[in-house]
Amino acid sequence: MAEETDLEIEETGGNKKKIIIIAAIAAVVLVVVAVLFLTSADDEPVETLAEEETVSQTVESSSSSAETGSALYVAMPRPFVFNVPGASRDRIVQIKVQLLVRGDVNEEVAKKHIPLIEGTLLSVFSTTTADELSTSAGKETLRLSAVDKVQEAMEGVEGSKVIERVLFTGFVMQ
């Protein structure tokens, strides 16, 4: 008789463990479902806002040929590394560049002409000196000169400027 009551106690202890495990699994499933539901509910209005912004930009861009589409960034595949002469000694400069373009079409055109853009930027960068690059005004002058030359090169090949801005995302001078 004593053995039967011990077995009953062990069986009910095992059942309690099974119930706790099942309840824990159910709670995890509920949390995952709730997260997925809330995430999908949040995504829909964002897409709607993005569509509305695209429509409003398209309407605005039809009146202004300079801004067509949303801003996209085209990263140059490798940083520019070059020597520049300085007053006391020559320096090595590394510049990482991204290009700001408007619209998917301009993004594809820019990617297509990366070798031309790289060559143009390298020729612009090689005309500067270490003394000019040591000041923020000198860096800004170099960036503006790069924009002008790249736009000229793209206009000669594609018939439009394509590139809106040249951005320095990394700048190291040793």
Protein backbone atom coordinates (compact mmCIF):
# COMPACT_ATOMS: atom_id res chain seq x y z
CA MET A 1 0.00 0.00 0.00
CA ALA A 2 2.78 2.36 0.85
CA GLU A 3 4.36 1.60 -2.50
CA GLU A 4 1.19 2.57 -4.37
CA THR A 5 0.98 5.98 -2.68
CA ASP A 6 4.66 6.64 -3.51
CA LEU A 7 3.95 5.85 -7.16
CA GLU A 8 0.94 8.14 -7.17
CA ILE A 9 3.01 10.98 -5.74
CA GLU A 10 5.75 10.45 -8.32
CA GLU A 11 3.19 10.33 -11.14
CA THR A 12 1.53 13.59 -10.04
CA GLY A 13 4.97 15.25 -9.71
CA GLY A 14 5.77 14.19 -13.29
CA ASN A 15 2.41 15.49 -14.48
CA LYS A 16 3.08 18.85 -12.85
CA LYS A 17 6.41 19.09 -14.66
CA LYS A 18 4.76 18.27 -17.99
CA ILE A 19 2.08 20.89 -17.38
CA ILE A 20 4.71 23.54 -16.51
CA ILE A 21 6.72 22.72 -19.67
CA ILE A 22 3.63 22.87 -21.87
CA ALA A 23 2.57 26.16 -20.27
CA ALA A 24 6.06 27.62 -20.84
CA ILE A 25 6.04 26.56 -24.50
CA ALA A 26 2.56 28.03 -24.96
CA ALA A 27 3.71 31.30 -23.38
CA VAL A 28 6.72 31.50 -25.72
CA VAL A 29 4.51 30.82 -28.74
CA LEU A 30 2.08 33.54 -27.65
CA VAL A 31 4.91 36.04 -27.23
CA VAL A 32 6.32 35.22 -30.69
CA VAL A 33 2.90 35.54 -32.31
CA ALA A 34 2.29 38.85 -30.53
CA VAL A 35 5.66 40.22 -31.66
CA LEU A 36 5.03 39.16 -35.25
CA PHE A 37 1.56 40.68 -35.18
CA LEU A 38 2.78 43.99 -33.78
CA THR A 39 5.72 44.10 -36.19
CA SER A 40 3.51 43.46 -39.22
CA ALA A 41 0.99 46.05 -37.99
CA ASP A 42 3.78 48.65 -37.67
CA ASP A 43 5.20 47.92 -41.15
CA GLU A 44 2.02 48.68 -43.07
CA PRO A 45 1.71 52.39 -42.17
CA VAL A 46 5.43 52.92 -42.82
CA GLU A 47 5.08 51.52 -46.32
CA THR A 48 2.06 53.74 -46.88
CA LEU A 49 4.05 56.78 -45.72
CA ALA A 50 6.93 55.81 -47.98
CA GLU A 51 4.55 55.48 -50.92
CA GLU A 52 3.02 58.88 -50.14
CA GLU A 53 6.48 60.47 -49.94
CA THR A 54 7.46 58.88 -53.26
CA VAL A 55 4.28 60.19 -54.88
CA SER A 56 4.82 63.68 -53.47
CA GLN A 57 8.46 63.65 -54.57
CA THR A 58 7.44 62.50 -58.05
CA VAL A 59 4.97 65.38 -58.28
CA GLU A 60 7.61 67.84 -57.07
CA SER A 61 10.26 66.37 -59.36
CA SER A 62 8.09 66.76 -62.42
CA SER A 63 8.17 70.50 -61.78
CA SER A 64 11.89 70.49 -60.98
CA SER A 65 14.25 68.48 -63.18
CA ALA A 66 17.11 68.80 -60.64
CA GLU A 67 15.38 66.57 -58.08
CA THR A 68 14.02 63.34 -59.54
CA GLY A 69 13.26 60.60 -57.03
CA SER A 70 14.50 59.93 -53.55
CA ALA A 71 18.05 60.42 -52.36
CA LEU A 72 20.22 57.35 -52.85
CA TYR A 73 23.88 56.86 -52.00
CA VAL A 74 26.34 55.05 -54.23
CA ALA A 75 29.48 53.98 -52.40
CA MET A 76 32.69 53.91 -54.34
CA PRO A 77 34.03 50.35 -54.24
CA ARG A 78 37.41 51.23 -52.72
CA PRO A 79 38.91 54.23 -50.95
CA PHE A 80 41.16 56.65 -52.80
CA VAL A 81 44.76 56.45 -51.60
CA PHE A 82 47.23 58.97 -53.00
CA ASN A 83 50.28 61.09 -52.18
CA VAL A 84 50.10 64.86 -51.77
CA PRO A 85 53.04 67.23 -51.49
CA GLY A 86 53.37 69.24 -48.30
CA ALA A 87 55.53 72.16 -47.15
CA SER A 88 57.68 70.04 -44.84
CA ARG A 89 57.08 66.55 -46.30
CA ASP A 90 54.82 64.57 -48.58
CA ARG A 91 51.71 62.98 -47.05
CA ILE A 92 49.58 59.97 -47.86
CA VAL A 93 45.83 60.59 -47.96
CA GLN A 94 42.98 58.09 -47.90
CA ILE A 95 39.47 59.29 -48.74
CA LYS A 96 36.32 57.15 -48.73
CA VAL A 97 33.65 58.59 -51.00
CA GLN A 98 29.92 58.16 -51.51
CA LEU A 99 27.87 59.82 -54.23
CA LEU A 100 24.42 61.30 -53.67
CA VAL A 101 22.08 60.68 -56.59
CA ARG A 102 18.34 61.16 -57.05
CA GLY A 103 16.24 58.24 -58.24
CA ASP A 104 16.88 54.65 -59.23
CA VAL A 105 17.78 55.55 -62.80
CA ASN A 106 20.58 57.88 -61.72
CA GLU A 107 21.80 55.25 -59.26
CA GLU A 108 22.15 52.70 -62.05
CA VAL A 109 23.85 55.23 -64.32
CA ALA A 110 26.33 56.14 -61.58
CA LYS A 111 27.12 52.48 -60.91
CA LYS A 112 27.61 51.92 -64.63
CA HIS A 113 30.16 54.75 -64.84
CA ILE A 114 32.16 54.06 -61.65
CA PRO A 115 35.50 53.80 -63.52
CA LEU A 116 34.93 57.22 -65.09
CA ILE A 117 33.96 58.70 -61.72
CA GLU A 118 36.97 57.13 -60.00
CA GLY A 119 39.33 58.50 -62.62
CA THR A 120 37.83 61.96 -62.40
CA LEU A 121 37.96 62.01 -58.61
CA LEU A 122 41.55 60.79 -58.55
CA SER A 123 42.62 63.52 -60.97
CA VAL A 124 40.89 66.15 -58.80
CA PHE A 125 42.37 64.76 -55.58
CA SER A 126 45.89 64.67 -57.00
CA THR A 127 45.88 68.43 -57.68
CA THR A 128 45.69 69.38 -53.99
CA THR A 129 48.40 69.80 -51.37
CA ALA A 130 48.73 68.62 -47.78
CA ASP A 131 48.54 72.21 -46.54
CA GLU A 132 45.15 72.68 -48.22
CA LEU A 133 43.81 69.38 -46.84
CA SER A 134 44.85 70.20 -43.28
CA THR A 135 42.02 72.76 -42.98
CA SER A 136 38.28 72.13 -43.14
CA ALA A 137 37.91 74.90 -45.71
CA GLY A 138 40.46 73.13 -47.92
CA LYS A 139 38.55 69.84 -47.63
CA GLU A 140 35.29 71.58 -48.54
CA THR A 141 36.95 73.26 -51.54
CA LEU A 142 38.23 69.86 -52.68
CA ARG A 143 34.78 68.32 -52.29
CA LEU A 144 33.10 71.12 -54.28
CA SER A 145 35.73 70.85 -56.99
CA ALA A 146 35.14 67.08 -57.12
CA VAL A 147 31.38 67.61 -57.54
CA ASP A 148 31.94 70.05 -60.42
CA LYS A 149 34.39 67.79 -62.27
CA VAL A 150 32.29 64.64 -61.82
CA GLN A 151 29.16 66.45 -63.02
CA GLU A 152 31.07 67.73 -66.08
CA ALA A 153 32.30 64.22 -66.88
CA MET A 154 28.83 62.70 -66.48
CA GLU A 155 27.23 65.43 -68.55
CA GLY A 156 29.69 64.70 -71.35
CA VAL A 157 28.86 60.99 -71.33
CA GLU A 158 25.20 60.81 -70.29
CA GLY A 159 23.89 64.28 -71.13
CA SER A 160 22.86 64.99 -67.52
CA LYS A 161 24.70 65.69 -64.28
CA VAL A 162 23.47 62.47 -62.54
CA ILE A 163 25.55 63.12 -59.37
CA GLU A 164 24.15 65.69 -56.95
CA ARG A 165 26.87 65.62 -54.27
CA VAL A 166 30.20 63.98 -53.48
CA LEU A 167 30.44 63.05 -49.80
CA PHE A 168 33.63 62.22 -47.90
CA THR A 169 32.71 59.40 -45.52
CA GLY A 170 36.27 58.79 -44.40
CA PHE A 171 39.31 61.07 -44.48
CA VAL A 172 42.77 60.13 -43.22
CA MET A 173 46.01 62.00 -43.80
CA GLN A 174 49.36 60.71 -42.54
